[in-house]
Amino acid sequence: MADRDVEKSYSDKETIKKLERLVDCMKTGKRYQIQVAGKRIYVPVHAVFSIEHEIEGNSEELEFQFRWENN
C-alpha cells in the first residue's frame, strides 16, 4: 500500500455526527467506517486509540488517533 498523509477539516456539526458514530461503533464492538479525501477507511475493532499533544512555537495540536496493522 502506498504511503498517505491526508488531513481533513470538518464543521462542528459534521464532527459531532462522526464522533457519535464512532462512539456507537466502540460501544457495540463494530468496526468504524469513514471516508477521508475520497478513500473509505475501515478502522478495525482491535485498533489502539491514543491522544497526542504537540507544541511547536506558538502552535499547539491535539490529535486523536487510531493505529492498527494491516495483515
PDB file of N, CA and C in Angstrom:
ATOM      1  N   MET A   1       0.841  -1.181   0.000  1.00  0.00           N
ATOM      2  CA  MET A   1       0.000   0.000   0.000  1.00  0.00           C
ATOM      3  C   MET A   1       0.887   1.246   0.000  1.00  0.00           C
ATOM      4  N   ALA A   2       0.536   2.232  -0.775  1.00  0.00           N
ATOM      5  CA  ALA A   2       1.312   3.469  -0.863  1.00  0.00           C
ATOM      6  C   ALA A   2       1.137   4.307   0.403  1.00  0.00           C
ATOM      7  N   ASP A   3       2.163   5.080   0.746  1.00  0.00           N
ATOM      8  CA  ASP A   3       2.076   5.987   1.883  1.00  0.00           C
ATOM      9  C   ASP A   3       1.032   7.057   1.587  1.00  0.00           C
ATOM     10  N   ARG A   4       0.381   7.520   2.652  1.00  0.00           N
ATOM     11  CA  ARG A   4      -0.658   8.541   2.502  1.00  0.00           C
ATOM     12  C   ARG A   4      -0.715   9.343   3.784  1.00  0.00           C
ATOM     13  N   ASP A   5      -0.757  10.653   3.685  1.00  0.00           N
ATOM     14  CA  ASP A   5      -0.913  11.517   4.850  1.00  0.00           C
ATOM     15  C   ASP A   5      -1.858  12.648   4.456  1.00  0.00           C
ATOM     16  N   VAL A   6      -3.127  12.515   4.847  1.00  0.00           N
ATOM     17  CA  VAL A   6      -4.164  13.450   4.450  1.00  0.00           C
ATOM     18  C   VAL A   6      -4.822  14.013   5.706  1.00  0.00           C
ATOM     19  N   GLU A   7      -5.111  15.285   5.680  1.00  0.00           N
ATOM     20  CA  GLU A   7      -5.820  15.920   6.790  1.00  0.00           C
ATOM     21  C   GLU A   7      -7.085  16.552   6.250  1.00  0.00           C
ATOM     22  N   LYS A   8      -8.200  16.354   6.944  1.00  0.00           N
ATOM     23  CA  LYS A   8      -9.498  16.890   6.517  1.00  0.00           C
ATOM     24  C   LYS A   8     -10.126  17.617   7.686  1.00  0.00           C
ATOM     25  N   SER A   9     -10.600  18.826   7.460  1.00  0.00           N
ATOM     26  CA  SER A   9     -11.280  19.608   8.493  1.00  0.00           C
ATOM     27  C   SER A   9     -12.783  19.467   8.327  1.00  0.00           C
ATOM     28  N   TYR A  10     -13.501  19.482   9.448  1.00  0.00           N
ATOM     29  CA  TYR A  10     -14.949  19.342   9.444  1.00  0.00           C
ATOM     30  C   TYR A  10     -15.584  20.440  10.286  1.00  0.00           C
ATOM     31  N   SER A  11     -16.832  20.774   9.975  1.00  0.00           N
ATOM     32  CA  SER A  11     -17.595  21.717  10.792  1.00  0.00           C
ATOM     33  C   SER A  11     -17.924  21.041  12.128  1.00  0.00           C
ATOM     34  N   ASP A  12     -18.347  21.835  13.102  1.00  0.00           N
ATOM     35  CA  ASP A  12     -18.735  21.267  14.395  1.00  0.00           C
ATOM     36  C   ASP A  12     -19.836  20.230  14.230  1.00  0.00           C
ATOM     37  N   LYS A  13     -20.843  20.537  13.417  1.00  0.00           N
ATOM     38  CA  LYS A  13     -21.967  19.615  13.208  1.00  0.00           C
ATOM     39  C   LYS A  13     -21.485  18.287  12.597  1.00  0.00           C
ATOM     40  N   GLU A  14     -20.619  18.361  11.589  1.00  0.00           N
ATOM     41  CA  GLU A  14     -20.080  17.146  10.953  1.00  0.00           C
ATOM     42  C   GLU A  14     -19.229  16.354  11.950  1.00  0.00           C
ATOM     43  N   THR A  15     -18.430  17.049  12.737  1.00  0.00           N
ATOM     44  CA  THR A  15     -17.574  16.392  13.726  1.00  0.00           C
ATOM     45  C   THR A  15     -18.412  15.639  14.749  1.00  0.00           C
ATOM     46  N   ILE A  16     -19.457  16.265  15.235  1.00  0.00           N
ATOM     47  CA  ILE A  16     -20.331  15.617  16.213  1.00  0.00           C
ATOM     48  C   ILE A  16     -20.942  14.351  15.636  1.00  0.00           C
ATOM     49  N   LYS A  17     -21.443  14.406  14.392  1.00  0.00           N
ATOM     50  CA  LYS A  17     -22.016  13.216  13.758  1.00  0.00           C
ATOM     51  C   LYS A  17     -20.996  12.089  13.653  1.00  0.00           C
ATOM     52  N   LYS A  18     -19.772  12.427  13.223  1.00  0.00           N
ATOM     53  CA  LYS A  18     -18.733  11.415  13.059  1.00  0.00           C
ATOM     54  C   LYS A  18     -18.336  10.818  14.406  1.00  0.00           C
ATOM     55  N   LEU A  19     -18.206  11.665  15.423  1.00  0.00           N
ATOM     56  CA  LEU A  19     -17.838  11.168  16.753  1.00  0.00           C
ATOM     57  C   LEU A  19     -18.953  10.326  17.372  1.00  0.00           C
ATOM     58  N   GLU A  20     -20.204  10.698  17.141  1.00  0.00           N
ATOM     59  CA  GLU A  20     -21.316   9.892  17.651  1.00  0.00           C
ATOM     60  C   GLU A  20     -21.323   8.502  17.007  1.00  0.00           C
ATOM     61  N   ARG A  21     -21.074   8.450  15.704  1.00  0.00           N
ATOM     62  CA  ARG A  21     -20.985   7.140  15.021  1.00  0.00           C
ATOM     63  C   ARG A  21     -19.821   6.334  15.561  1.00  0.00           C
ATOM     64  N   LEU A  22     -18.684   7.006  15.791  1.00  0.00           N
ATOM     65  CA  LEU A  22     -17.505   6.330  16.340  1.00  0.00           C
ATOM     66  C   LEU A  22     -17.810   5.739  17.710  1.00  0.00           C
ATOM     67  N   VAL A  23     -18.423   6.517  18.588  1.00  0.00           N
ATOM     68  CA  VAL A  23     -18.768   6.032  19.926  1.00  0.00           C
ATOM     69  C   VAL A  23     -19.724   4.849  19.833  1.00  0.00           C
ATOM     70  N   ASP A  24     -20.726   4.928  18.962  1.00  0.00           N
ATOM     71  CA  ASP A  24     -21.657   3.807  18.789  1.00  0.00           C
ATOM     72  C   ASP A  24     -20.924   2.540  18.363  1.00  0.00           C
ATOM     73  N   CYS A  25     -19.987   2.669  17.431  1.00  0.00           N
ATOM     74  CA  CYS A  25     -19.215   1.509  16.975  1.00  0.00           C
ATOM     75  C   CYS A  25     -18.381   0.932  18.115  1.00  0.00           C
ATOM     76  N   MET A  26     -17.757   1.796  18.888  1.00  0.00           N
ATOM     77  CA  MET A  26     -16.927   1.329  20.007  1.00  0.00           C
ATOM     78  C   MET A  26     -17.779   0.628  21.062  1.00  0.00           C
ATOM     79  N   LYS A  27     -18.952   1.163  21.347  1.00  0.00           N
ATOM     80  CA  LYS A  27     -19.832   0.564  22.349  1.00  0.00           C
ATOM     81  C   LYS A  27     -20.354  -0.795  21.921  1.00  0.00           C
ATOM     82  N   THR A  28     -20.590  -0.966  20.621  1.00  0.00           N
ATOM     83  CA  THR A  28     -21.178  -2.211  20.118  1.00  0.00           C
ATOM     84  C   THR A  28     -20.140  -3.182  19.561  1.00  0.00           C
ATOM     85  N   GLY A  29     -18.863  -2.790  19.568  1.00  0.00           N
ATOM     86  CA  GLY A  29     -17.808  -3.685  19.086  1.00  0.00           C
ATOM     87  C   GLY A  29     -17.778  -3.848  17.584  1.00  0.00           C
ATOM     88  N   LYS A  30     -18.198  -2.832  16.855  1.00  0.00           N
ATOM     89  CA  LYS A  30     -18.182  -2.874  15.391  1.00  0.00           C
ATOM     90  C   LYS A  30     -17.047  -2.021  14.853  1.00  0.00           C
ATOM     91  N   ARG A  31     -16.561  -2.369  13.666  1.00  0.00           N
ATOM     92  CA  ARG A  31     -15.531  -1.535  13.044  1.00  0.00           C
ATOM     93  C   ARG A  31     -16.153  -0.208  12.621  1.00  0.00           C
ATOM     94  N   TYR A  32     -15.321   0.813  12.601  1.00  0.00           N
ATOM     95  CA  TYR A  32     -15.764   2.165  12.257  1.00  0.00           C
ATOM     96  C   TYR A  32     -15.398   2.436  10.806  1.00  0.00           C
ATOM     97  N   GLN A  33     -16.349   3.011  10.053  1.00  0.00           N
ATOM     98  CA  GLN A  33     -16.112   3.362   8.661  1.00  0.00           C
ATOM     99  C   GLN A  33     -16.187   4.868   8.507  1.00  0.00           C
ATOM    100  N   ILE A  34     -15.235   5.426   7.771  1.00  0.00           N
ATOM    101  CA  ILE A  34     -15.233   6.850   7.489  1.00  0.00           C
ATOM    102  C   ILE A  34     -14.577   7.063   6.133  1.00  0.00           C
ATOM    103  N   GLN A  35     -15.030   8.072   5.414  1.00  0.00           N
ATOM    104  CA  GLN A  35     -14.397   8.413   4.139  1.00  0.00           C
ATOM    105  C   GLN A  35     -13.609   9.702   4.333  1.00  0.00           C
ATOM    106  N   VAL A  36     -12.336   9.675   3.960  1.00  0.00           N
ATOM    107  CA  VAL A  36     -11.450  10.829   4.089  1.00  0.00           C
ATOM    108  C   VAL A  36     -10.805  11.085   2.732  1.00  0.00           C
ATOM    109  N   ALA A  37     -11.051  12.262   2.191  1.00  0.00           N
ATOM    110  CA  ALA A  37     -10.470  12.673   0.909  1.00  0.00           C
ATOM    111  C   ALA A  37     -10.666  11.596  -0.161  1.00  0.00           C
ATOM    112  N   GLY A  38     -11.895  11.088  -0.265  1.00  0.00           N
ATOM    113  CA  GLY A  38     -12.240  10.138  -1.320  1.00  0.00           C
ATOM    114  C   GLY A  38     -11.868   8.691  -1.064  1.00  0.00           C
ATOM    115  N   LYS A  39     -11.286   8.380   0.077  1.00  0.00           N
ATOM    116  CA  LYS A  39     -10.907   6.997   0.382  1.00  0.00           C
ATOM    117  C   LYS A  39     -11.698   6.506   1.590  1.00  0.00           C
ATOM    118  N   ARG A  40     -12.349   5.355   1.435  1.00  0.00           N
ATOM    119  CA  ARG A  40     -13.088   4.754   2.538  1.00  0.00           C
ATOM    120  C   ARG A  40     -12.103   4.035   3.451  1.00  0.00           C
ATOM    121  N   ILE A  41     -12.197   4.350   4.751  1.00  0.00           N
ATOM    122  CA  ILE A  41     -11.313   3.767   5.764  1.00  0.00           C
ATOM    123  C   ILE A  41     -12.150   2.888   6.683  1.00  0.00           C
ATOM    124  N   TYR A  42     -11.648   1.704   6.976  1.00  0.00           N
ATOM    125  CA  TYR A  42     -12.295   0.791   7.904  1.00  0.00           C
ATOM    126  C   TYR A  42     -11.371   0.625   9.102  1.00  0.00           C
ATOM    127  N   VAL A  43     -11.778   1.172  10.242  1.00  0.00           N
ATOM    128  CA  VAL A  43     -10.972   1.084  11.458  1.00  0.00           C
ATOM    129  C   VAL A  43     -11.409  -0.177  12.196  1.00  0.00           C
ATOM    130  N   PRO A  44     -10.513  -1.168  12.339  1.00  0.00           N
ATOM    131  CA  PRO A  44     -10.901  -2.422  12.975  1.00  0.00           C
ATOM    132  C   PRO A  44     -11.128  -2.259  14.482  1.00  0.00           C
ATOM    133  N   VAL A  45     -11.884  -3.178  15.038  1.00  0.00           N
ATOM    134  CA  VAL A  45     -12.217  -3.153  16.457  1.00  0.00           C
ATOM    135  C   VAL A  45     -10.951  -3.199  17.315  1.00  0.00           C
ATOM    136  N   HIS A  46      -9.910  -3.891  16.851  1.00  0.00           N
ATOM    137  CA  HIS A  46      -8.689  -4.054  17.656  1.00  0.00           C
ATOM    138  C   HIS A  46      -7.720  -2.863  17.549  1.00  0.00           C
ATOM    139  N   ALA A  47      -8.115  -1.810  16.821  1.00  0.00           N
ATOM    140  CA  ALA A  47      -7.246  -0.634  16.689  1.00  0.00           C
ATOM    141  C   ALA A  47      -6.987  -0.021  18.069  1.00  0.00           C
ATOM    142  N   VAL A  48      -5.777   0.526  18.256  1.00  0.00           N
ATOM    143  CA  VAL A  48      -5.388   1.137  19.521  1.00  0.00           C
ATOM    144  C   VAL A  48      -5.597   2.643  19.422  1.00  0.00           C
ATOM    145  N   PHE A  49      -6.289   3.201  20.405  1.00  0.00           N
ATOM    146  CA  PHE A  49      -6.590   4.628  20.449  1.00  0.00           C
ATOM    147  C   PHE A  49      -5.555   5.354  21.302  1.00  0.00           C
ATOM    148  N   SER A  50      -5.095   6.516  20.822  1.00  0.00           N
ATOM    149  CA  SER A  50      -4.184   7.349  21.617  1.00  0.00           C
ATOM    150  C   SER A  50      -4.485   8.823  21.364  1.00  0.00           C
ATOM    151  N   ILE A  51      -4.007   9.641  22.272  1.00  0.00           N
ATOM    152  CA  ILE A  51      -4.142  11.094  22.150  1.00  0.00           C
ATOM    153  C   ILE A  51      -2.743  11.675  22.178  1.00  0.00           C
ATOM    154  N   GLU A  52      -2.448  12.535  21.220  1.00  0.00           N
ATOM    155  CA  GLU A  52      -1.124  13.140  21.099  1.00  0.00           C
ATOM    156  C   GLU A  52      -1.258  14.656  21.211  1.00  0.00           C
ATOM    157  N   HIS A  53      -0.366  15.269  21.978  1.00  0.00           N
ATOM    158  CA  HIS A  53      -0.349  16.730  22.130  1.00  0.00           C
ATOM    159  C   HIS A  53       1.017  17.217  21.680  1.00  0.00           C
ATOM    160  N   GLU A  54       1.032  18.171  20.766  1.00  0.00           N
ATOM    161  CA  GLU A  54       2.287  18.729  20.245  1.00  0.00           C
ATOM    162  C   GLU A  54       2.286  20.239  20.416  1.00  0.00           C
ATOM    163  N   ILE A  55       3.464  20.776  20.721  1.00  0.00           N
ATOM    164  CA  ILE A  55       3.659  22.225  20.760  1.00  0.00           C
ATOM    165  C   ILE A  55       4.866  22.547  19.897  1.00  0.00           C
ATOM    166  N   GLU A  56       4.670  23.451  18.948  1.00  0.00           N
ATOM    167  CA  GLU A  56       5.751  23.950  18.097  1.00  0.00           C
ATOM    168  C   GLU A  56       5.634  25.458  18.051  1.00  0.00           C
ATOM    169  N   GLY A  57       6.513  26.161  18.737  1.00  0.00           N
ATOM    170  CA  GLY A  57       6.440  27.621  18.788  1.00  0.00           C
ATOM    171  C   GLY A  57       5.144  28.058  19.434  1.00  0.00           C
ATOM    172  N   ASN A  58       4.366  28.865  18.725  1.00  0.00           N
ATOM    173  CA  ASN A  58       3.083  29.348  19.243  1.00  0.00           C
ATOM    174  C   ASN A  58       1.906  28.463  18.850  1.00  0.00           C
ATOM    175  N   SER A  59       2.182  27.361  18.190  1.00  0.00           N
ATOM    176  CA  SER A  59       1.131  26.482  17.683  1.00  0.00           C
ATOM    177  C   SER A  59       1.023  25.222  18.540  1.00  0.00           C
ATOM    178  N   GLU A  60      -0.220  24.827  18.839  1.00  0.00           N
ATOM    179  CA  GLU A  60      -0.466  23.573  19.557  1.00  0.00           C
ATOM    180  C   GLU A  60      -1.381  22.690  18.728  1.00  0.00           C
ATOM    181  N   GLU A  61      -1.220  21.390  18.923  1.00  0.00           N
ATOM    182  CA  GLU A  61      -2.050  20.422  18.203  1.00  0.00           C
ATOM    183  C   GLU A  61      -2.447  19.317  19.165  1.00  0.00           C
ATOM    184  N   LEU A  62      -3.710  18.951  19.143  1.00  0.00           N
ATOM    185  CA  LEU A  62      -4.211  17.809  19.904  1.00  0.00           C
ATOM    186  C   LEU A  62      -4.772  16.835  18.885  1.00  0.00           C
ATOM    187  N   GLU A  63      -4.212  15.667  18.839  1.00  0.00           N
ATOM    188  CA  GLU A  63      -4.568  14.695  17.806  1.00  0.00           C
ATOM    189  C   GLU A  63      -5.130  13.434  18.452  1.00  0.00           C
ATOM    190  N   PHE A  64      -6.327  13.048  18.026  1.00  0.00           N
ATOM    191  CA  PHE A  64      -6.936  11.795  18.446  1.00  0.00           C
ATOM    192  C   PHE A  64      -6.678  10.806  17.314  1.00  0.00           C
ATOM    193  N   GLN A  65      -6.064   9.679  17.633  1.00  0.00           N
ATOM    194  CA  GLN A  65      -5.740   8.762  16.538  1.00  0.00           C
ATOM    195  C   GLN A  65      -5.945   7.302  16.912  1.00  0.00           C
ATOM    196  N   PHE A  66      -6.218   6.521  15.881  1.00  0.00           N
ATOM    197  CA  PHE A  66      -6.292   5.065  15.992  1.00  0.00           C
ATOM    198  C   PHE A  66      -5.148   4.502  15.173  1.00  0.00           C
ATOM    199  N   ARG A  67      -4.515   3.445  15.682  1.00  0.00           N
ATOM    200  CA  ARG A  67      -3.417   2.805  14.963  1.00  0.00           C
ATOM    201  C   ARG A  67      -3.654   1.297  14.932  1.00  0.00           C
ATOM    202  N   TRP A  68      -3.379   0.695  13.772  1.00  0.00           N
ATOM    203  CA  TRP A  68      -3.514  -0.746  13.619  1.00  0.00           C
ATOM    204  C   TRP A  68      -2.604  -1.218  12.506  1.00  0.00           C
ATOM    205  N   GLU A  69      -2.314  -2.485  12.511  1.00  0.00           N
ATOM    206  CA  GLU A  69      -1.500  -3.121  11.468  1.00  0.00           C
ATOM    207  C   GLU A  69      -2.420  -3.825  10.490  1.00  0.00           C
ATOM    208  N   ASN A  70      -2.127  -3.664   9.193  1.00  0.00           N
ATOM    209  CA  ASN A  70      -2.853  -4.408   8.166  1.00  0.00           C
ATOM    210  C   ASN A  70      -2.141  -5.729   7.932  1.00  0.00           C
ATOM    211  N   ASN A  71      -2.914  -6.766   7.899  1.00  0.00           N
ATOM    212  CA  ASN A  71      -2.337  -8.118   7.662  1.00  0.00           C
ATOM    213  C   ASN A  71      -2.390  -8.471   6.205  1.00  0.00           C
TER     214      ASN A  71
END
